[in-house]
């Protein structure tokens, strides 16, 4: 996995939510395969272990087969999880164009529960404008689902 996502000439998506749950409950929702499947999509091979490679499968487009290649970059239990998120094909424009980004989750204990911040960064403009828009809209819908699943776990702060 390259460090292209860390370049200064990129855009990012930030979603910030506070949930009435302990960081351990939110962490469980972020790092348990069957729970990830419920709020995002099914991960193949995911483990919250630095260096672990895994994939997600989404809708293919053009020469891209729809596989999102990920690698766990950072794991601090109940505090931070980051993974590379790479997809696309050089021959595609718009949806399915090459994407070399990082998804970082930060959990902070607050008086009312846990503040969960998602930062998905490394979108190169204008090449990744389509992904930036669609994923920005998508993450704003996905993150609240994490809280809904945490509610089902029944572990309040």
C-alpha atoms as a PDB file:
ATOM      1  CA  UNK A   1       0.000   0.000   0.000  1.00  0.00           C
ATOM      2  CA  UNK A   2       1.469   3.343  -0.977  1.00  0.00           C
ATOM      3  CA  UNK A   3       1.494   6.652   0.854  1.00  0.00           C
ATOM      4  CA  UNK A   4      -0.216   8.562  -1.967  1.00  0.00           C
ATOM      5  CA  UNK A   5      -3.183   9.199   0.336  1.00  0.00           C
ATOM      6  CA  UNK A   6      -0.993  11.354   2.571  1.00  0.00           C
ATOM      7  CA  UNK A   7      -0.222  14.003  -0.071  1.00  0.00           C
ATOM      8  CA  UNK A   8      -1.199  17.589   0.801  1.00  0.00           C
ATOM      9  CA  UNK A   9      -3.127  18.184  -2.468  1.00  0.00           C
ATOM     10  CA  UNK A  10      -6.003  15.899  -1.526  1.00  0.00           C
ATOM     11  CA  UNK A  11      -9.534  16.198  -0.146  1.00  0.00           C
ATOM     12  CA  UNK A  12     -11.162  14.396   2.747  1.00  0.00           C
ATOM     13  CA  UNK A  13     -14.534  13.368   4.162  1.00  0.00           C
ATOM     14  CA  UNK A  14     -15.197  13.944   7.869  1.00  0.00           C
ATOM     15  CA  UNK A  15     -18.192  12.575   9.767  1.00  0.00           C
ATOM     16  CA  UNK A  16     -18.487  13.194  13.505  1.00  0.00           C
ATOM     17  CA  UNK A  17     -21.136  11.592  15.745  1.00  0.00           C
ATOM     18  CA  UNK A  18     -21.619  11.068  19.489  1.00  0.00           C
ATOM     19  CA  UNK A  19     -23.236   7.808  20.578  1.00  0.00           C
ATOM     20  CA  UNK A  20     -24.527   6.959  24.089  1.00  0.00           C
ATOM     21  CA  UNK A  21     -22.266   3.924  24.335  1.00  0.00           C
ATOM     22  CA  UNK A  22     -18.898   3.077  25.833  1.00  0.00           C
ATOM     23  CA  UNK A  23     -15.922   3.122  23.427  1.00  0.00           C
ATOM     24  CA  UNK A  24     -15.701  -0.683  23.797  1.00  0.00           C
ATOM     25  CA  UNK A  25     -19.189  -1.092  22.306  1.00  0.00           C
ATOM     26  CA  UNK A  26     -18.443   1.194  19.347  1.00  0.00           C
ATOM     27  CA  UNK A  27     -15.087  -0.562  18.864  1.00  0.00           C
ATOM     28  CA  UNK A  28     -16.839  -3.930  18.736  1.00  0.00           C
ATOM     29  CA  UNK A  29     -19.171  -2.568  16.043  1.00  0.00           C
ATOM     30  CA  UNK A  30     -16.176  -1.280  14.018  1.00  0.00           C
ATOM     31  CA  UNK A  31     -14.070  -4.440  14.307  1.00  0.00           C
ATOM     32  CA  UNK A  32     -16.420  -7.454  14.230  1.00  0.00           C
ATOM     33  CA  UNK A  33     -16.898  -8.862  10.736  1.00  0.00           C
ATOM     34  CA  UNK A  34     -20.611  -9.709  10.940  1.00  0.00           C
ATOM     35  CA  UNK A  35     -21.350  -6.281  12.461  1.00  0.00           C
ATOM     36  CA  UNK A  36     -19.285  -4.468   9.776  1.00  0.00           C
ATOM     37  CA  UNK A  37     -21.384  -6.337   7.201  1.00  0.00           C
ATOM     38  CA  UNK A  38     -24.512  -4.778   8.702  1.00  0.00           C
ATOM     39  CA  UNK A  39     -23.377  -1.142   8.621  1.00  0.00           C
ATOM     40  CA  UNK A  40     -21.120  -1.141   5.535  1.00  0.00           C
ATOM     41  CA  UNK A  41     -20.566  -4.332   3.522  1.00  0.00           C
ATOM     42  CA  UNK A  42     -19.084  -7.762   4.117  1.00  0.00           C
ATOM     43  CA  UNK A  43     -15.322  -7.678   4.682  1.00  0.00           C
ATOM     44  CA  UNK A  44     -13.334 -10.685   3.424  1.00  0.00           C
ATOM     45  CA  UNK A  45     -10.402 -11.487   5.687  1.00  0.00           C
ATOM     46  CA  UNK A  46     -10.715  -8.533   8.079  1.00  0.00           C
ATOM     47  CA  UNK A  47      -9.036  -8.675  11.486  1.00  0.00           C
ATOM     48  CA  UNK A  48      -8.115  -5.627  13.581  1.00  0.00           C
ATOM     49  CA  UNK A  49      -4.404  -6.459  13.283  1.00  0.00           C
ATOM     50  CA  UNK A  50      -1.834  -4.024  11.865  1.00  0.00           C
ATOM     51  CA  UNK A  51      -0.686  -5.167   8.422  1.00  0.00           C
ATOM     52  CA  UNK A  52      -3.700  -7.441   7.830  1.00  0.00           C
ATOM     53  CA  UNK A  53      -5.007  -7.229   4.259  1.00  0.00           C
ATOM     54  CA  UNK A  54      -8.707  -7.622   3.482  1.00  0.00           C
ATOM     55  CA  UNK A  55     -11.239  -6.720   0.805  1.00  0.00           C
ATOM     56  CA  UNK A  56     -14.741  -5.432   0.321  1.00  0.00           C
ATOM     57  CA  UNK A  57     -16.776  -6.180  -2.810  1.00  0.00           C
ATOM     58  CA  UNK A  58     -19.045  -3.556  -4.371  1.00  0.00           C
ATOM     59  CA  UNK A  59     -20.607  -2.833  -7.751  1.00  0.00           C
ATOM     60  CA  UNK A  60     -18.105  -3.263 -10.628  1.00  0.00           C
ATOM     61  CA  UNK A  61     -17.636  -0.553 -13.247  1.00  0.00           C
ATOM     62  CA  UNK A  62     -15.841  -0.733 -16.582  1.00  0.00           C
ATOM     63  CA  UNK A  63     -12.469  -2.459 -16.161  1.00  0.00           C
ATOM     64  CA  UNK A  64     -12.764  -2.372 -12.348  1.00  0.00           C
ATOM     65  CA  UNK A  65     -14.118  -5.588 -10.802  1.00  0.00           C
ATOM     66  CA  UNK A  66     -15.597  -3.802  -7.760  1.00  0.00           C
ATOM     67  CA  UNK A  67     -12.974  -5.071  -5.301  1.00  0.00           C
ATOM     68  CA  UNK A  68     -11.803  -2.617  -2.639  1.00  0.00           C
ATOM     69  CA  UNK A  69      -8.356  -3.597  -1.379  1.00  0.00           C
ATOM     70  CA  UNK A  70      -7.635  -2.657   2.220  1.00  0.00           C
ATOM     71  CA  UNK A  71      -4.796  -3.022   4.689  1.00  0.00           C
ATOM     72  CA  UNK A  72      -4.957  -2.274   8.394  1.00  0.00           C
ATOM     73  CA  UNK A  73      -2.524   0.572   9.098  1.00  0.00           C
ATOM     74  CA  UNK A  74      -3.177   1.336  12.765  1.00  0.00           C
ATOM     75  CA  UNK A  75      -4.929  -0.366  15.666  1.00  0.00           C
ATOM     76  CA  UNK A  76      -5.258   1.158  19.133  1.00  0.00           C
ATOM     77  CA  UNK A  77      -8.091  -0.840  20.754  1.00  0.00           C
ATOM     78  CA  UNK A  78     -11.118   1.245  21.725  1.00  0.00           C
ATOM     79  CA  UNK A  79      -9.386   4.408  20.410  1.00  0.00           C
ATOM     80  CA  UNK A  80      -8.263   4.292  16.773  1.00  0.00           C
ATOM     81  CA  UNK A  81      -8.505   2.125  13.664  1.00  0.00           C
ATOM     82  CA  UNK A  82      -7.128   3.085  10.252  1.00  0.00           C
ATOM     83  CA  UNK A  83      -6.937   1.185   6.998  1.00  0.00           C
ATOM     84  CA  UNK A  84      -5.908   1.829   3.414  1.00  0.00           C
ATOM     85  CA  UNK A  85      -8.809   1.827   0.932  1.00  0.00           C
ATOM     86  CA  UNK A  86      -7.752   1.276  -2.686  1.00  0.00           C
ATOM     87  CA  UNK A  87      -9.888   0.545  -5.685  1.00  0.00           C
ATOM     88  CA  UNK A  88     -10.589   1.309  -9.309  1.00  0.00           C
ATOM     89  CA  UNK A  89      -8.844   0.885 -12.622  1.00  0.00           C
ATOM     90  CA  UNK A  90      -6.681   3.333 -14.600  1.00  0.00           C
ATOM     91  CA  UNK A  91      -8.941   3.024 -17.649  1.00  0.00           C
ATOM     92  CA  UNK A  92     -12.048   4.188 -15.770  1.00  0.00           C
ATOM     93  CA  UNK A  93     -13.236   7.772 -15.425  1.00  0.00           C
ATOM     94  CA  UNK A  94     -15.671   8.759 -12.669  1.00  0.00           C
ATOM     95  CA  UNK A  95     -17.051   5.780 -10.752  1.00  0.00           C
ATOM     96  CA  UNK A  96     -14.419   3.066 -10.675  1.00  0.00           C
ATOM     97  CA  UNK A  97     -11.452   5.346 -11.366  1.00  0.00           C
ATOM     98  CA  UNK A  98      -8.314   4.675  -9.279  1.00  0.00           C
ATOM     99  CA  UNK A  99      -8.675   5.512  -5.600  1.00  0.00           C
ATOM    100  CA  UNK A 100      -5.822   5.369  -3.077  1.00  0.00           C
ATOM    101  CA  UNK A 101      -7.202   6.608   0.238  1.00  0.00           C
ATOM    102  CA  UNK A 102      -7.216   5.950   3.984  1.00  0.00           C
ATOM    103  CA  UNK A 103     -10.189   5.453   6.321  1.00  0.00           C
ATOM    104  CA  UNK A 104      -9.440   6.454   9.934  1.00  0.00           C
ATOM    105  CA  UNK A 105     -11.799   5.974  12.884  1.00  0.00           C
ATOM    106  CA  UNK A 106     -11.118   7.792  16.154  1.00  0.00           C
ATOM    107  CA  UNK A 107     -13.080   7.034  19.332  1.00  0.00           C
ATOM    108  CA  UNK A 108     -13.042   9.500  22.210  1.00  0.00           C
ATOM    109  CA  UNK A 109     -14.825   8.933  25.513  1.00  0.00           C
ATOM    110  CA  UNK A 110     -17.090  11.871  26.328  1.00  0.00           C
ATOM    111  CA  UNK A 111     -19.516  12.498  29.190  1.00  0.00           C
ATOM    112  CA  UNK A 112     -22.492  11.246  27.187  1.00  0.00           C
ATOM    113  CA  UNK A 113     -20.774   8.221  25.602  1.00  0.00           C
ATOM    114  CA  UNK A 114     -18.346   8.061  22.699  1.00  0.00           C
ATOM    115  CA  UNK A 115     -17.480  10.578  20.020  1.00  0.00           C
ATOM    116  CA  UNK A 116     -16.779   8.690  16.799  1.00  0.00           C
ATOM    117  CA  UNK A 117     -14.965  10.565  14.080  1.00  0.00           C
ATOM    118  CA  UNK A 118     -14.470   9.142  10.618  1.00  0.00           C
ATOM    119  CA  UNK A 119     -11.902  10.801   8.374  1.00  0.00           C
ATOM    120  CA  UNK A 120     -11.626   9.302   4.887  1.00  0.00           C
ATOM    121  CA  UNK A 121      -8.745  11.098   3.223  1.00  0.00           C
ATOM    122  CA  UNK A 122      -6.564  11.081   0.142  1.00  0.00           C
ATOM    123  CA  UNK A 123      -9.096  11.925  -2.574  1.00  0.00           C
ATOM    124  CA  UNK A 124      -7.134  13.457  -5.461  1.00  0.00           C
ATOM    125  CA  UNK A 125      -9.113  16.117  -7.296  1.00  0.00           C
ATOM    126  CA  UNK A 126     -10.391  16.298  -9.955  1.00  0.00           C
ATOM    127  CA  UNK A 127      -9.668  12.586 -10.632  1.00  0.00           C
ATOM    128  CA  UNK A 128     -11.582  11.398  -7.532  1.00  0.00           C
ATOM    129  CA  UNK A 129     -14.381  14.007  -7.537  1.00  0.00           C
ATOM    130  CA  UNK A 130     -17.035  11.365  -8.306  1.00  0.00           C
ATOM    131  CA  UNK A 131     -15.873   9.114  -5.422  1.00  0.00           C
ATOM    132  CA  UNK A 132     -15.522  12.073  -3.062  1.00  0.00           C
ATOM    133  CA  UNK A 133     -19.135  13.116  -3.677  1.00  0.00           C
ATOM    134  CA  UNK A 134     -20.723   9.662  -3.582  1.00  0.00           C
ATOM    135  CA  UNK A 135     -18.675   8.422  -0.639  1.00  0.00           C
ATOM    136  CA  UNK A 136     -19.205  11.675   1.253  1.00  0.00           C
ATOM    137  CA  UNK A 137     -22.959  11.171   0.944  1.00  0.00           C
ATOM    138  CA  UNK A 138     -22.581   7.472   1.743  1.00  0.00           C
ATOM    139  CA  UNK A 139     -20.504   7.857   4.905  1.00  0.00           C
ATOM    140  CA  UNK A 140     -23.055  10.343   6.280  1.00  0.00           C
ATOM    141  CA  UNK A 141     -25.654   7.555   6.049  1.00  0.00           C
ATOM    142  CA  UNK A 142     -23.349   4.727   7.181  1.00  0.00           C
ATOM    143  CA  UNK A 143     -21.947   6.253  10.393  1.00  0.00           C
ATOM    144  CA  UNK A 144     -25.358   6.607  12.130  1.00  0.00           C
ATOM    145  CA  UNK A 145     -25.938   2.898  11.414  1.00  0.00           C
ATOM    146  CA  UNK A 146     -22.985   2.125  13.686  1.00  0.00           C
ATOM    147  CA  UNK A 147     -24.924   3.737  16.535  1.00  0.00           C
ATOM    148  CA  UNK A 148     -28.060   1.783  15.655  1.00  0.00           C
ATOM    149  CA  UNK A 149     -26.150  -1.504  15.814  1.00  0.00           C
ATOM    150  CA  UNK A 150     -24.529  -0.450  19.105  1.00  0.00           C
ATOM    151  CA  UNK A 151     -28.086   0.176  20.414  1.00  0.00           C
ATOM    152  CA  UNK A 152     -28.976  -3.407  19.521  1.00  0.00           C
ATOM    153  CA  UNK A 153     -25.957  -4.675  21.449  1.00  0.00           C
ATOM    154  CA  UNK A 154     -27.639  -3.090  24.463  1.00  0.00           C
ATOM    155  CA  UNK A 155     -24.446  -1.792  26.035  1.00  0.00           C
ATOM    156  CA  UNK A 156     -25.182   1.777  27.064  1.00  0.00           C
ATOM    157  CA  UNK A 157     -22.591   4.143  28.502  1.00  0.00           C
END
